[in-house]
């Protein structure tokens, strides 16, 4: 009946015909789309350049109305001031009692995760006992990077932490934190 080469030839002709139909259909769609776009552009241009006859005074009133509406819209857009007041949540570090302290706030605004750092090199420092007696709870802070004793206190760490939290809360109440945050934002 058909030789193998005839089968391949018929298959190739069918594939070529199907591909040609797809390409032709796609091109006719694209040409129709391009024609539609050109018609829209042409109609828009004709609408914009068409002359109309209205009195000049009416045209001037229309222009004034449009300009005042645009100005009212521009003025209604809220302005973001560069000197806007920072949020208290930005107050999360301060130098207190000779140490740099950093902290976070819980979801209800409590001070949490209070950590102490060297005020010179910014290495996190931990308290160590400075008293020679176990009964006396004196602590100090030593910086391993600077090789120096930073601060010492005649009470335990829990008392110091409570004191630092109370100082932070006082700064929040009397708004002295605002200037510190603004200064920090300008310097960074």
N, C-alpha and C. Protein backbone atom coordinates (compact mmCIF):
# COMPACT_ATOMS: atom_id res chain seq x y z
N UNK A 1 0.82 -1.17 0.00
CA UNK A 1 0.00 0.00 0.00
C UNK A 1 0.88 1.25 0.00
N UNK A 2 1.21 1.84 1.18
CA UNK A 2 2.10 3.00 1.26
C UNK A 2 3.45 2.57 1.75
N UNK A 3 4.47 3.15 1.15
CA UNK A 3 5.81 2.90 1.63
C UNK A 3 6.03 3.74 2.88
N UNK A 4 7.05 3.41 3.63
CA UNK A 4 7.38 4.13 4.87
C UNK A 4 7.70 5.59 4.57
N UNK A 5 8.38 5.83 3.45
CA UNK A 5 8.73 7.21 3.09
C UNK A 5 7.49 8.01 2.71
N UNK A 6 6.47 7.35 2.13
CA UNK A 6 5.22 8.03 1.80
C UNK A 6 4.48 8.42 3.07
N UNK A 7 4.51 7.54 4.09
CA UNK A 7 3.84 7.83 5.36
C UNK A 7 4.47 9.05 6.03
N UNK A 8 5.80 9.12 5.99
CA UNK A 8 6.50 10.25 6.60
C UNK A 8 6.18 11.53 5.84
N UNK A 9 6.11 11.46 4.54
CA UNK A 9 5.79 12.61 3.72
C UNK A 9 4.39 13.12 4.01
N UNK A 10 3.42 12.22 4.14
CA UNK A 10 2.04 12.61 4.45
C UNK A 10 1.98 13.24 5.84
N UNK A 11 2.67 12.62 6.81
CA UNK A 11 2.70 13.14 8.17
C UNK A 11 3.27 14.55 8.18
N UNK A 12 4.35 14.77 7.48
CA UNK A 12 4.98 16.10 7.44
C UNK A 12 4.05 17.13 6.81
N UNK A 13 3.32 16.70 5.75
CA UNK A 13 2.39 17.63 5.11
C UNK A 13 1.24 17.99 6.04
N UNK A 14 0.74 17.03 6.80
CA UNK A 14 -0.34 17.30 7.76
C UNK A 14 0.14 18.25 8.84
N UNK A 15 1.34 18.01 9.38
CA UNK A 15 1.91 18.88 10.42
C UNK A 15 2.11 20.29 9.90
N UNK A 16 2.63 20.40 8.66
CA UNK A 16 2.85 21.72 8.06
C UNK A 16 1.54 22.45 7.86
N UNK A 17 0.50 21.73 7.45
CA UNK A 17 -0.81 22.35 7.24
C UNK A 17 -1.40 22.84 8.55
N UNK A 18 -1.31 22.03 9.61
CA UNK A 18 -1.85 22.41 10.92
C UNK A 18 -1.08 23.61 11.48
N UNK A 19 0.24 23.58 11.40
CA UNK A 19 1.05 24.71 11.88
C UNK A 19 0.75 25.97 11.09
N UNK A 20 0.58 25.84 9.77
CA UNK A 20 0.25 26.99 8.93
C UNK A 20 -1.08 27.59 9.32
N UNK A 21 -2.06 26.73 9.62
CA UNK A 21 -3.38 27.22 10.03
C UNK A 21 -3.29 27.95 11.37
N UNK A 22 -2.51 27.40 12.31
CA UNK A 22 -2.34 28.05 13.62
C UNK A 22 -1.67 29.40 13.47
N UNK A 23 -0.59 29.44 12.69
CA UNK A 23 0.13 30.70 12.49
C UNK A 23 -0.74 31.72 11.78
N UNK A 24 -1.48 31.29 10.77
CA UNK A 24 -2.37 32.19 10.04
C UNK A 24 -3.46 32.74 10.97
N UNK A 25 -4.05 31.88 11.77
CA UNK A 25 -5.08 32.32 12.72
C UNK A 25 -4.51 33.31 13.73
N UNK A 26 -3.34 33.04 14.24
CA UNK A 26 -2.70 33.93 15.21
C UNK A 26 -2.39 35.29 14.58
N UNK A 27 -1.82 35.26 13.36
CA UNK A 27 -1.50 36.52 12.69
C UNK A 27 -2.75 37.34 12.37
N UNK A 28 -3.82 36.66 11.95
CA UNK A 28 -5.04 37.41 11.65
C UNK A 28 -5.61 38.01 12.94
N UNK A 29 -5.47 37.32 14.06
CA UNK A 29 -5.92 37.86 15.34
C UNK A 29 -5.09 39.08 15.71
N UNK A 30 -3.76 38.98 15.57
CA UNK A 30 -2.86 40.09 15.89
C UNK A 30 -3.15 41.28 14.98
N UNK A 31 -3.34 41.03 13.70
CA UNK A 31 -3.61 42.13 12.75
C UNK A 31 -4.93 42.80 13.11
N UNK A 32 -5.93 42.00 13.47
CA UNK A 32 -7.21 42.58 13.89
C UNK A 32 -7.07 43.40 15.16
N UNK A 33 -6.24 42.93 16.08
CA UNK A 33 -5.99 43.66 17.33
C UNK A 33 -5.25 44.96 17.05
N UNK A 34 -4.27 44.92 16.17
CA UNK A 34 -3.52 46.13 15.82
C UNK A 34 -4.46 47.13 15.14
N UNK A 35 -5.32 46.64 14.28
CA UNK A 35 -6.27 47.52 13.59
C UNK A 35 -7.22 48.18 14.60
N UNK A 36 -7.67 47.41 15.57
CA UNK A 36 -8.55 47.95 16.61
C UNK A 36 -7.84 49.03 17.42
N UNK A 37 -6.61 48.79 17.80
CA UNK A 37 -5.83 49.78 18.57
C UNK A 37 -5.63 51.06 17.76
N UNK A 38 -5.31 50.90 16.49
CA UNK A 38 -5.13 52.08 15.63
C UNK A 38 -6.42 52.87 15.49
N UNK A 39 -7.55 52.17 15.40
CA UNK A 39 -8.85 52.86 15.32
C UNK A 39 -9.15 53.64 16.60
N UNK A 40 -8.86 53.04 17.75
CA UNK A 40 -9.09 53.72 19.03
C UNK A 40 -8.21 54.97 19.13
N UNK A 41 -6.94 54.85 18.75
CA UNK A 41 -6.03 56.00 18.80
C UNK A 41 -6.51 57.09 17.85
N UNK A 42 -6.91 56.72 16.66
CA UNK A 42 -7.40 57.69 15.67
C UNK A 42 -8.67 58.38 16.16
N UNK A 43 -9.61 57.62 16.73
CA UNK A 43 -10.85 58.22 17.24
C UNK A 43 -10.57 59.16 18.40
N UNK A 44 -9.66 58.78 19.28
CA UNK A 44 -9.30 59.63 20.42
C UNK A 44 -8.67 60.92 19.92
N UNK A 45 -7.77 60.82 18.98
CA UNK A 45 -7.13 62.01 18.43
C UNK A 45 -8.17 62.94 17.80
N UNK A 46 -9.07 62.37 17.00
CA UNK A 46 -10.11 63.18 16.35
C UNK A 46 -11.01 63.86 17.38
N UNK A 47 -11.32 63.16 18.48
CA UNK A 47 -12.15 63.75 19.52
C UNK A 47 -11.44 64.92 20.19
N UNK A 48 -10.13 64.76 20.43
CA UNK A 48 -9.38 65.80 21.13
C UNK A 48 -9.15 67.05 20.28
N UNK A 49 -9.00 66.88 18.99
CA UNK A 49 -8.71 68.04 18.14
C UNK A 49 -9.95 68.64 17.49
N UNK A 50 -11.09 68.00 17.66
CA UNK A 50 -12.33 68.55 17.10
C UNK A 50 -12.63 69.89 17.76
N UNK A 51 -13.16 70.79 17.01
CA UNK A 51 -13.51 72.09 17.58
C UNK A 51 -14.97 72.06 18.03
N UNK A 52 -15.20 72.75 19.13
CA UNK A 52 -16.55 72.90 19.64
C UNK A 52 -16.81 74.38 19.81
N UNK A 53 -18.05 74.76 19.78
CA UNK A 53 -18.31 76.18 19.93
C UNK A 53 -19.07 76.41 21.23
N UNK A 54 -18.29 76.97 22.19
CA UNK A 54 -18.88 77.43 23.44
C UNK A 54 -18.34 78.83 23.70
N UNK A 55 -19.04 79.61 24.47
CA UNK A 55 -18.53 80.95 24.77
C UNK A 55 -17.24 80.87 25.59
N UNK A 56 -16.35 81.83 25.38
CA UNK A 56 -15.06 81.86 26.08
C UNK A 56 -15.27 81.95 27.58
N UNK A 57 -16.25 82.76 28.03
CA UNK A 57 -16.47 82.89 29.47
C UNK A 57 -16.85 81.56 30.11
N UNK A 58 -17.58 80.71 29.39
CA UNK A 58 -17.94 79.39 29.90
C UNK A 58 -16.70 78.50 29.97
N UNK A 59 -15.86 78.60 28.97
CA UNK A 59 -14.61 77.84 28.96
C UNK A 59 -13.71 78.25 30.13
N UNK A 60 -13.61 79.55 30.41
CA UNK A 60 -12.79 80.05 31.52
C UNK A 60 -13.35 79.56 32.86
N UNK A 61 -14.66 79.59 33.03
CA UNK A 61 -15.28 79.09 34.26
C UNK A 61 -14.97 77.60 34.43
N UNK A 62 -15.04 76.86 33.34
CA UNK A 62 -14.73 75.43 33.39
C UNK A 62 -13.28 75.21 33.83
N UNK A 63 -12.35 75.97 33.27
CA UNK A 63 -10.93 75.83 33.62
C UNK A 63 -10.72 76.17 35.09
N UNK A 64 -11.35 77.24 35.58
CA UNK A 64 -11.22 77.62 37.00
C UNK A 64 -11.76 76.51 37.90
N UNK A 65 -12.89 75.95 37.53
CA UNK A 65 -13.47 74.85 38.30
C UNK A 65 -12.53 73.66 38.36
N UNK A 66 -11.96 73.29 37.23
CA UNK A 66 -11.05 72.14 37.19
C UNK A 66 -9.81 72.41 38.04
N UNK A 67 -9.21 73.60 37.90
CA UNK A 67 -8.02 73.94 38.68
C UNK A 67 -8.31 73.95 40.18
N UNK A 68 -9.45 74.51 40.59
CA UNK A 68 -9.76 74.53 42.02
C UNK A 68 -10.00 73.12 42.55
N UNK A 69 -10.61 72.28 41.75
CA UNK A 69 -10.81 70.89 42.17
C UNK A 69 -9.48 70.16 42.33
N UNK A 70 -8.58 70.39 41.41
CA UNK A 70 -7.25 69.75 41.50
C UNK A 70 -6.52 70.25 42.74
N UNK A 71 -6.56 71.56 43.01
CA UNK A 71 -5.89 72.11 44.19
C UNK A 71 -6.51 71.57 45.48
N UNK A 72 -7.83 71.47 45.54
CA UNK A 72 -8.49 70.90 46.71
C UNK A 72 -8.08 69.45 46.93
N UNK A 73 -7.96 68.71 45.85
CA UNK A 73 -7.53 67.31 45.96
C UNK A 73 -6.10 67.22 46.48
N UNK A 74 -5.21 68.06 45.96
CA UNK A 74 -3.82 68.05 46.40
C UNK A 74 -3.72 68.41 47.88
N UNK A 75 -4.51 69.39 48.33
CA UNK A 75 -4.47 69.79 49.73
C UNK A 75 -5.08 68.74 50.65
N UNK A 76 -5.95 67.90 50.13
CA UNK A 76 -6.58 66.89 50.98
C UNK A 76 -5.67 65.69 51.23
N UNK A 77 -4.60 65.56 50.44
CA UNK A 77 -3.66 64.46 50.64
C UNK A 77 -2.91 64.72 51.94
N UNK A 78 -2.90 63.75 52.87
CA UNK A 78 -2.20 63.97 54.14
C UNK A 78 -0.71 64.14 53.92
N UNK A 79 -0.17 65.10 54.61
CA UNK A 79 1.26 65.36 54.49
C UNK A 79 2.00 64.61 55.58
N UNK A 80 3.11 63.99 55.20
CA UNK A 80 3.94 63.29 56.16
C UNK A 80 5.08 64.23 56.53
N UNK A 81 5.10 64.63 57.77
CA UNK A 81 6.12 65.56 58.22
C UNK A 81 7.41 64.79 58.52
N UNK A 82 8.53 65.41 58.18
CA UNK A 82 9.82 64.80 58.47
C UNK A 82 10.12 64.82 59.96
N UNK A 83 9.54 65.79 60.66
CA UNK A 83 9.79 65.92 62.09
C UNK A 83 8.67 65.29 62.90
N UNK A 84 8.03 64.25 62.37
CA UNK A 84 6.95 63.62 63.10
C UNK A 84 7.49 62.99 64.38
N UNK A 85 6.64 62.95 65.37
CA UNK A 85 7.04 62.40 66.67
C UNK A 85 7.31 60.91 66.54
N UNK A 86 8.41 60.43 67.09
CA UNK A 86 8.69 58.99 67.03
C UNK A 86 7.78 58.23 68.00
N UNK A 87 7.65 56.96 67.77
CA UNK A 87 6.88 56.09 68.66
C UNK A 87 7.76 55.71 69.84
N UNK A 88 7.14 55.49 71.00
CA UNK A 88 7.92 55.09 72.17
C UNK A 88 8.61 53.75 71.93
N UNK A 89 8.11 52.96 70.97
CA UNK A 89 8.75 51.68 70.67
C UNK A 89 10.14 51.85 70.08
N UNK A 90 10.42 53.05 69.53
CA UNK A 90 11.76 53.32 69.00
C UNK A 90 12.76 53.59 70.12
N UNK A 91 12.26 53.92 71.31
CA UNK A 91 13.13 54.13 72.46
C UNK A 91 13.44 52.75 73.05
N UNK A 92 14.50 52.14 72.55
CA UNK A 92 14.86 50.80 72.98
C UNK A 92 16.33 50.66 73.34
N UNK A 93 16.99 51.79 73.56
CA UNK A 93 18.38 51.77 74.04
C UNK A 93 18.68 53.11 74.69
N UNK A 94 19.56 53.06 75.72
CA UNK A 94 19.92 54.29 76.42
C UNK A 94 21.14 54.00 77.28
N UNK A 95 21.89 55.05 77.61
CA UNK A 95 22.99 54.95 78.56
C UNK A 95 22.45 55.29 79.94
N UNK A 96 22.47 54.31 80.83
CA UNK A 96 21.92 54.47 82.16
C UNK A 96 22.90 53.88 83.16
N UNK A 97 23.24 54.66 84.20
CA UNK A 97 24.12 54.22 85.29
C UNK A 97 25.46 53.70 84.77
N UNK A 98 26.00 54.35 83.77
CA UNK A 98 27.32 54.02 83.26
C UNK A 98 27.37 52.87 82.28
N UNK A 99 26.24 52.29 81.93
CA UNK A 99 26.18 51.19 80.98
C UNK A 99 25.22 51.53 79.86
N UNK A 100 25.44 50.93 78.70
CA UNK A 100 24.48 51.05 77.60
C UNK A 100 23.50 49.89 77.75
N UNK A 101 22.22 50.21 77.73
CA UNK A 101 21.18 49.19 77.89
C UNK A 101 20.32 49.13 76.63
N UNK A 102 19.93 47.90 76.26
CA UNK A 102 19.01 47.68 75.16
C UNK A 102 17.89 46.78 75.66
N UNK A 103 16.68 46.99 75.09
CA UNK A 103 15.54 46.21 75.53
C UNK A 103 14.49 46.15 74.43
N UNK A 104 13.50 45.32 74.65
CA UNK A 104 12.34 45.19 73.77
C UNK A 104 11.10 45.51 74.58
N UNK A 105 9.96 45.58 73.88
CA UNK A 105 8.68 45.77 74.55
C UNK A 105 7.80 44.57 74.25
N UNK A 106 7.05 44.15 75.26
CA UNK A 106 6.07 43.07 75.04
C UNK A 106 4.86 43.66 74.32
N UNK A 107 3.93 42.80 73.98
CA UNK A 107 2.74 43.27 73.25
C UNK A 107 1.90 44.23 74.07
N UNK A 108 2.02 44.18 75.40
CA UNK A 108 1.26 45.11 76.24
C UNK A 108 2.11 46.29 76.72
N UNK A 109 3.32 46.44 76.19
CA UNK A 109 4.15 47.61 76.47
C UNK A 109 5.13 47.44 77.62
N UNK A 110 5.21 46.26 78.22
CA UNK A 110 6.18 46.05 79.30
C UNK A 110 7.58 45.94 78.72
N UNK A 111 8.57 46.34 79.51
CA UNK A 111 9.97 46.25 79.10
C UNK A 111 10.45 44.82 79.34
N UNK A 112 10.98 44.21 78.29
CA UNK A 112 11.48 42.83 78.38
C UNK A 112 12.84 42.75 77.69
N UNK A 113 13.53 41.65 77.90
CA UNK A 113 14.83 41.37 77.26
C UNK A 113 15.81 42.53 77.47
N UNK A 114 16.02 42.90 78.72
CA UNK A 114 16.93 43.99 79.07
C UNK A 114 18.36 43.45 79.10
N UNK A 115 19.25 44.06 78.29
CA UNK A 115 20.64 43.61 78.21
C UNK A 115 21.57 44.80 78.39
N UNK A 116 22.73 44.54 79.00
CA UNK A 116 23.72 45.59 79.24
C UNK A 116 24.90 45.43 78.28
N UNK A 117 25.46 46.59 77.87
CA UNK A 117 26.58 46.62 76.92
C UNK A 117 27.62 47.62 77.39
N UNK A 118 28.84 47.42 76.94
CA UNK A 118 29.92 48.37 77.22
C UNK A 118 29.62 49.67 76.49
N UNK A 119 29.69 50.82 77.18
CA UNK A 119 29.38 52.08 76.51
C UNK A 119 30.46 52.51 75.51
N UNK A 120 31.62 51.88 75.54
CA UNK A 120 32.71 52.28 74.64
C UNK A 120 32.74 51.40 73.38
N UNK A 121 32.80 50.07 73.57
CA UNK A 121 32.97 49.19 72.40
C UNK A 121 31.69 48.43 72.03
N UNK A 122 30.66 48.54 72.83
CA UNK A 122 29.35 47.95 72.55
C UNK A 122 29.33 46.43 72.68
N UNK A 123 30.28 45.85 73.42
CA UNK A 123 30.26 44.42 73.70
C UNK A 123 29.25 44.16 74.81
N UNK A 124 28.45 43.10 74.67
CA UNK A 124 27.52 42.78 75.74
C UNK A 124 28.31 42.34 76.97
N UNK A 125 27.97 42.90 78.12
CA UNK A 125 28.68 42.58 79.36
C UNK A 125 27.69 41.96 80.34
N UNK A 126 28.23 41.11 81.21
CA UNK A 126 27.43 40.41 82.21
C UNK A 126 27.94 40.78 83.60
N UNK A 127 27.06 40.72 84.59
CA UNK A 127 27.50 41.07 85.95
C UNK A 127 28.37 39.96 86.56
N UNK A 128 29.25 40.38 87.43
CA UNK A 128 30.06 39.42 88.20
C UNK A 128 30.13 39.93 89.64
N UNK A 129 30.35 39.03 90.57
CA UNK A 129 30.43 39.41 91.98
C UNK A 129 31.71 40.18 92.24
N UNK A 130 31.57 41.27 92.97
CA UNK A 130 32.76 42.04 93.35
C UNK A 130 33.01 41.96 94.85
N UNK A 131 32.00 41.56 95.62
CA UNK A 131 32.15 41.45 97.07
C UNK A 131 32.92 40.20 97.45
N UNK A 132 33.65 40.29 98.52
CA UNK A 132 34.42 39.12 98.96
C UNK A 132 33.61 38.21 99.87
N UNK A 133 32.43 38.64 100.28
CA UNK A 133 31.57 37.83 101.14
C UNK A 133 30.33 37.41 100.36
N UNK A 134 29.88 36.19 100.60
CA UNK A 134 28.69 35.69 99.93
C UNK A 134 27.43 36.44 100.36
N UNK A 135 27.43 36.94 101.59
CA UNK A 135 26.25 37.64 102.11
C UNK A 135 26.06 38.96 101.37
N UNK A 136 27.14 39.62 101.06
CA UNK A 136 27.06 40.92 100.38
C UNK A 136 26.93 40.65 98.88
N UNK A 137 25.92 41.26 98.28
CA UNK A 137 25.59 40.97 96.88
C UNK A 137 26.05 42.11 95.98
N UNK A 138 27.33 42.49 96.05
CA UNK A 138 27.87 43.54 95.19
C UNK A 138 28.18 42.95 93.82
N UNK A 139 27.89 43.73 92.76
CA UNK A 139 28.19 43.25 91.41
C UNK A 139 28.95 44.33 90.65
N UNK A 140 29.62 43.89 89.62
CA UNK A 140 30.32 44.81 88.73
C UNK A 140 30.21 44.30 87.30
N UNK A 141 30.60 45.15 86.37
CA UNK A 141 30.58 44.80 84.96
C UNK A 141 31.97 45.02 84.40
N UNK A 142 32.52 43.99 83.77
CA UNK A 142 33.86 44.04 83.21
C UNK A 142 33.76 43.80 81.70
N UNK A 143 34.44 44.64 80.91
CA UNK A 143 34.44 44.48 79.46
C UNK A 143 35.72 43.75 79.04
N UNK A 144 35.55 42.61 78.41
CA UNK A 144 36.71 41.82 77.97
C UNK A 144 37.42 42.48 76.79
N UNK A 145 36.69 43.21 75.95
CA UNK A 145 37.32 43.88 74.81
C UNK A 145 38.16 45.07 75.25
N UNK A 146 37.63 45.88 76.15
CA UNK A 146 38.35 47.08 76.61
C UNK A 146 39.30 46.76 77.76
N UNK A 147 39.18 45.57 78.34
CA UNK A 147 39.97 45.17 79.51
C UNK A 147 39.86 46.19 80.64
N UNK A 148 38.63 46.53 80.99
CA UNK A 148 38.45 47.48 82.08
C UNK A 148 37.15 47.21 82.80
N UNK A 149 37.13 47.57 84.06
CA UNK A 149 35.92 47.50 84.88
C UNK A 149 35.07 48.70 84.50
N UNK A 150 33.84 48.45 84.10
CA UNK A 150 32.97 49.54 83.64
C UNK A 150 32.24 50.19 84.80
N UNK A 151 31.51 49.40 85.56
CA UNK A 151 30.71 49.92 86.66
C UNK A 151 30.64 48.88 87.76
N UNK A 152 30.43 49.34 88.98
CA UNK A 152 30.19 48.42 90.09
C UNK A 152 29.05 48.99 90.93
N UNK A 153 28.29 48.09 91.53
CA UNK A 153 27.10 48.48 92.29
C UNK A 153 27.09 47.72 93.61
N UNK A 154 26.56 48.35 94.63
CA UNK A 154 26.53 47.73 95.96
C UNK A 154 25.20 47.01 96.22
N UNK A 155 24.67 46.41 95.19
CA UNK A 155 23.46 45.60 95.30
C UNK A 155 23.48 44.57 94.19
N UNK A 156 22.52 43.65 94.20
CA UNK A 156 22.47 42.56 93.24
C UNK A 156 21.92 42.99 91.88
N UNK A 157 21.99 42.03 90.94
CA UNK A 157 21.56 42.33 89.57
C UNK A 157 20.06 42.56 89.50
N UNK A 158 19.27 41.83 90.27
CA UNK A 158 17.81 42.02 90.24
C UNK A 158 17.44 43.44 90.66
N UNK A 159 18.12 43.96 91.68
CA UNK A 159 17.85 45.33 92.12
C UNK A 159 18.27 46.32 91.03
N UNK A 160 19.44 46.08 90.41
CA UNK A 160 19.92 46.96 89.33
C UNK A 160 18.95 46.93 88.15
N UNK A 161 18.52 45.76 87.75
CA UNK A 161 17.59 45.64 86.62
C UNK A 161 16.30 46.38 86.92
N UNK A 162 15.77 46.24 88.14
CA UNK A 162 14.57 46.96 88.53
C UNK A 162 14.78 48.47 88.48
N UNK A 163 15.94 48.92 88.93
CA UNK A 163 16.25 50.35 88.91
C UNK A 163 16.32 50.88 87.48
N UNK A 164 16.97 50.13 86.59
CA UNK A 164 17.08 50.55 85.18
C UNK A 164 15.69 50.60 84.54
N UNK A 165 14.85 49.62 84.80
CA UNK A 165 13.49 49.62 84.24
C UNK A 165 12.71 50.82 84.76
N UNK A 166 12.87 51.16 86.03
CA UNK A 166 12.17 52.32 86.58
C UNK A 166 12.67 53.63 85.95
N UNK A 167 13.97 53.71 85.66
CA UNK A 167 14.51 54.90 84.99
C UNK A 167 13.96 55.00 83.56
N UNK A 168 13.89 53.86 82.86
CA UNK A 168 13.32 53.85 81.51
C UNK A 168 11.86 54.30 81.56
N UNK A 169 11.10 53.78 82.51
CA UNK A 169 9.69 54.17 82.64
C UNK A 169 9.56 55.66 82.96
N UNK A 170 10.45 56.19 83.80
CA UNK A 170 10.44 57.62 84.11
C UNK A 170 10.70 58.43 82.84
N UNK A 171 11.68 58.00 82.03
CA UNK A 171 11.98 58.69 80.77
C UNK A 171 10.79 58.65 79.82
N UNK A 172 10.05 57.55 79.84
CA UNK A 172 8.86 57.45 79.00
C UNK A 172 7.76 58.40 79.50
N UNK A 173 7.62 58.50 80.82
CA UNK A 173 6.57 59.37 81.37
C UNK A 173 6.86 60.84 81.14
N UNK A 174 8.12 61.27 81.30
CA UNK A 174 8.42 62.70 81.17
C UNK A 174 8.89 63.08 79.76
N UNK A 175 8.78 62.13 78.81
CA UNK A 175 9.10 62.37 77.39
C UNK A 175 10.53 62.78 77.12
N UNK A 176 11.45 62.50 78.03
CA UNK A 176 12.85 62.81 77.75
C UNK A 176 13.43 61.84 76.72
N UNK A 177 12.73 60.75 76.47
CA UNK A 177 13.18 59.78 75.48
C UNK A 177 13.06 60.31 74.06
N UNK A 178 12.15 61.27 73.81
CA UNK A 178 11.90 61.76 72.45
C UNK A 178 13.16 62.37 71.86
N UNK A 179 13.81 63.24 72.62
CA UNK A 179 15.02 63.90 72.11
C UNK A 179 16.14 62.88 71.88
N UNK A 180 16.21 61.84 72.72
CA UNK A 180 17.24 60.81 72.55
C UNK A 180 17.01 60.02 71.26
N UNK A 181 15.76 59.69 70.99
CA UNK A 181 15.45 58.93 69.77
C UNK A 181 15.69 59.80 68.52
N UNK A 182 15.28 61.08 68.59
CA UNK A 182 15.50 61.97 67.44
C UNK A 182 16.98 62.14 67.18
N UNK A 183 17.78 62.28 68.25
CA UNK A 183 19.23 62.42 68.09
C UNK A 183 19.81 61.14 67.49
N UNK A 184 19.35 60.00 67.97
CA UNK A 184 19.83 58.71 67.47
C UNK A 184 19.47 58.55 65.98
N UNK A 185 18.25 58.95 65.60
CA UNK A 185 17.84 58.83 64.20
C UNK A 185 18.64 59.75 63.28
N UNK A 186 18.99 60.95 63.77
CA UNK A 186 19.78 61.87 62.95
C UNK A 186 21.21 61.39 62.79
N UNK A 187 21.77 60.77 63.85
CA UNK A 187 23.17 60.34 63.77
C UNK A 187 23.35 59.03 63.01
N UNK A 188 22.26 58.28 62.81
CA UNK A 188 22.42 57.00 62.09
C UNK A 188 22.01 57.12 60.65
